[in-house]
Amino acid sequence: MKVLAGPISANIDYMPGNNGPTCVVIIETSHFACHVWNDVDPALIQLDVYTCGPFNPQDVIDHIQVWDPVKVEHKLLDREFGLNEIEIS
């Protein structure tokens, strides 16, 4: 995955219930986006990895463990064939 632009971020600190940063990085034919809601406890982070290229989804799950998450939920969609959900093994 080749980075083409970013990362860039913007912080919303004036909208109660929606405070927190949004960050994106553009990769070749794809992107990563991260949205954080600081007003909930624990904070909610949603990470989107959108790619046409090959990658191991478990690597993403393993790397976010540095945040010491309380809970991790994930969904892998095959957008080539109707957004069908794929199990991560």
C-alpha atoms as a PDB file:
ATOM      1  CA  MET A   1       0.000   0.000   0.000  1.00  0.00           C
ATOM      2  CA  LYS A   2       1.589   3.216  -1.179  1.00  0.00           C
ATOM      3  CA  VAL A   3       0.754   6.471   0.655  1.00  0.00           C
ATOM      4  CA  LEU A   4      -0.277   9.176  -1.822  1.00  0.00           C
ATOM      5  CA  ALA A   5      -1.414  11.939   0.560  1.00  0.00           C
ATOM      6  CA  GLY A   6      -1.633  12.587   4.266  1.00  0.00           C
ATOM      7  CA  PRO A   7      -2.105  11.776   6.925  1.00  0.00           C
ATOM      8  CA  ILE A   8      -4.246  14.799   7.707  1.00  0.00           C
ATOM      9  CA  SER A   9      -6.536  15.428  10.644  1.00  0.00           C
ATOM     10  CA  ALA A  10      -9.152  17.857  11.878  1.00  0.00           C
ATOM     11  CA  ASN A  11     -10.528  18.174  15.388  1.00  0.00           C
ATOM     12  CA  ILE A  12     -14.137  18.977  16.223  1.00  0.00           C
ATOM     13  CA  ASP A  13     -14.228  20.582  19.678  1.00  0.00           C
ATOM     14  CA  TYR A  14     -17.375  22.695  19.445  1.00  0.00           C
ATOM     15  CA  MET A  15     -20.104  20.105  18.862  1.00  0.00           C
ATOM     16  CA  PRO A  16     -21.281  18.362  22.071  1.00  0.00           C
ATOM     17  CA  GLY A  17     -21.617  14.627  21.548  1.00  0.00           C
ATOM     18  CA  ASN A  18     -19.450  14.736  18.437  1.00  0.00           C
ATOM     19  CA  ASN A  19     -16.143  16.052  19.817  1.00  0.00           C
ATOM     20  CA  GLY A  20     -12.932  14.442  18.613  1.00  0.00           C
ATOM     21  CA  PRO A  21     -10.510  14.122  15.734  1.00  0.00           C
ATOM     22  CA  THR A  22     -11.020  12.713  12.267  1.00  0.00           C
ATOM     23  CA  CYS A  23      -7.941  11.570  10.397  1.00  0.00           C
ATOM     24  CA  VAL A  24      -7.414  10.267   6.865  1.00  0.00           C
ATOM     25  CA  VAL A  25      -4.584   9.017   4.712  1.00  0.00           C
ATOM     26  CA  ILE A  26      -4.944   8.374   0.997  1.00  0.00           C
ATOM     27  CA  ILE A  27      -3.245   5.238  -0.253  1.00  0.00           C
ATOM     28  CA  GLU A  28      -2.982   4.005  -3.810  1.00  0.00           C
ATOM     29  CA  THR A  29      -6.628   3.479  -4.971  1.00  0.00           C
ATOM     30  CA  SER A  30      -7.873   3.457  -1.372  1.00  0.00           C
ATOM     31  CA  HIS A  31      -7.869   5.168   2.044  1.00  0.00           C
ATOM     32  CA  PHE A  32      -7.723   4.804   5.805  1.00  0.00           C
ATOM     33  CA  ALA A  33     -10.034   6.912   7.957  1.00  0.00           C
ATOM     34  CA  CYS A  34     -10.239   7.152  11.733  1.00  0.00           C
ATOM     35  CA  HIS A  35     -13.018   8.897  13.652  1.00  0.00           C
ATOM     36  CA  VAL A  36     -12.868   9.436  17.425  1.00  0.00           C
ATOM     37  CA  TRP A  37     -15.720  10.410  19.763  1.00  0.00           C
ATOM     38  CA  ASN A  38     -14.207  11.793  22.977  1.00  0.00           C
ATOM     39  CA  ASP A  39     -17.499  12.499  24.778  1.00  0.00           C
ATOM     40  CA  VAL A  40     -18.336   8.863  25.453  1.00  0.00           C
ATOM     41  CA  ASP A  41     -16.625   6.763  28.111  1.00  0.00           C
ATOM     42  CA  PRO A  42     -14.653   4.904  27.018  1.00  0.00           C
ATOM     43  CA  ALA A  43     -13.920   6.925  23.884  1.00  0.00           C
ATOM     44  CA  LEU A  44     -15.225   5.390  20.661  1.00  0.00           C
ATOM     45  CA  ILE A  45     -12.872   4.928  17.728  1.00  0.00           C
ATOM     46  CA  GLN A  46     -14.033   3.788  14.311  1.00  0.00           C
ATOM     47  CA  LEU A  47     -11.361   2.847  11.816  1.00  0.00           C
ATOM     48  CA  ASP A  48     -12.110   2.282   8.142  1.00  0.00           C
ATOM     49  CA  VAL A  49      -9.584   0.496   5.954  1.00  0.00           C
ATOM     50  CA  TYR A  50     -10.783   0.680   2.367  1.00  0.00           C
ATOM     51  CA  THR A  51      -8.526  -0.985  -0.176  1.00  0.00           C
ATOM     52  CA  CYS A  52      -8.460  -2.788  -3.493  1.00  0.00           C
ATOM     53  CA  GLY A  53      -5.072  -4.230  -2.648  1.00  0.00           C
ATOM     54  CA  PRO A  54      -4.203  -7.362  -0.749  1.00  0.00           C
ATOM     55  CA  PHE A  55      -3.775  -7.140   3.012  1.00  0.00           C
ATOM     56  CA  ASN A  56      -4.312  -9.263   6.086  1.00  0.00           C
ATOM     57  CA  PRO A  57      -7.242  -7.855   8.130  1.00  0.00           C
ATOM     58  CA  GLN A  58      -5.909  -9.557  11.254  1.00  0.00           C
ATOM     59  CA  ASP A  59      -2.781  -7.358  10.985  1.00  0.00           C
ATOM     60  CA  VAL A  60      -5.005  -4.277  11.419  1.00  0.00           C
ATOM     61  CA  ILE A  61      -6.741  -5.803  14.439  1.00  0.00           C
ATOM     62  CA  ASP A  62      -3.382  -6.764  15.947  1.00  0.00           C
ATOM     63  CA  HIS A  63      -1.929  -3.265  15.445  1.00  0.00           C
ATOM     64  CA  ILE A  64      -4.790  -1.463  17.210  1.00  0.00           C
ATOM     65  CA  GLN A  65      -4.068  -3.442  20.366  1.00  0.00           C
ATOM     66  CA  VAL A  66      -1.496  -0.751  21.311  1.00  0.00           C
ATOM     67  CA  TRP A  67      -4.535   1.396  22.207  1.00  0.00           C
ATOM     68  CA  ASP A  68      -5.541  -1.211  24.807  1.00  0.00           C
ATOM     69  CA  PRO A  69      -9.156  -1.265  23.593  1.00  0.00           C
ATOM     70  CA  VAL A  70     -12.007  -2.284  25.867  1.00  0.00           C
ATOM     71  CA  LYS A  71     -13.798  -3.951  22.956  1.00  0.00           C
ATOM     72  CA  VAL A  72     -12.992  -4.555  19.287  1.00  0.00           C
ATOM     73  CA  GLU A  73     -15.702  -5.231  16.735  1.00  0.00           C
ATOM     74  CA  HIS A  74     -14.935  -5.656  13.076  1.00  0.00           C
ATOM     75  CA  LYS A  75     -16.563  -6.347   9.768  1.00  0.00           C
ATOM     76  CA  LEU A  76     -14.837  -7.270   6.501  1.00  0.00           C
ATOM     77  CA  LEU A  77     -16.816  -6.568   3.345  1.00  0.00           C
ATOM     78  CA  ASP A  78     -16.039  -7.806  -0.146  1.00  0.00           C
ATOM     79  CA  ARG A  79     -16.978  -4.738  -2.157  1.00  0.00           C
ATOM     80  CA  GLU A  80     -16.158  -6.411  -5.470  1.00  0.00           C
ATOM     81  CA  PHE A  81     -19.138  -8.740  -5.192  1.00  0.00           C
ATOM     82  CA  GLY A  82     -22.074  -6.911  -3.578  1.00  0.00           C
ATOM     83  CA  LEU A  83     -20.602  -5.930  -0.193  1.00  0.00           C
ATOM     84  CA  ASN A  84     -20.855  -9.444   1.186  1.00  0.00           C
ATOM     85  CA  GLU A  85     -19.459  -9.915   4.676  1.00  0.00           C
ATOM     86  CA  ILE A  86     -16.401 -12.160   4.912  1.00  0.00           C
ATOM     87  CA  GLU A  87     -15.325 -13.979   8.068  1.00  0.00           C
ATOM     88  CA  ILE A  88     -11.824 -13.176   9.289  1.00  0.00           C
ATOM     89  CA  SER A  89     -10.033 -16.405  10.106  1.00  0.00           C
END
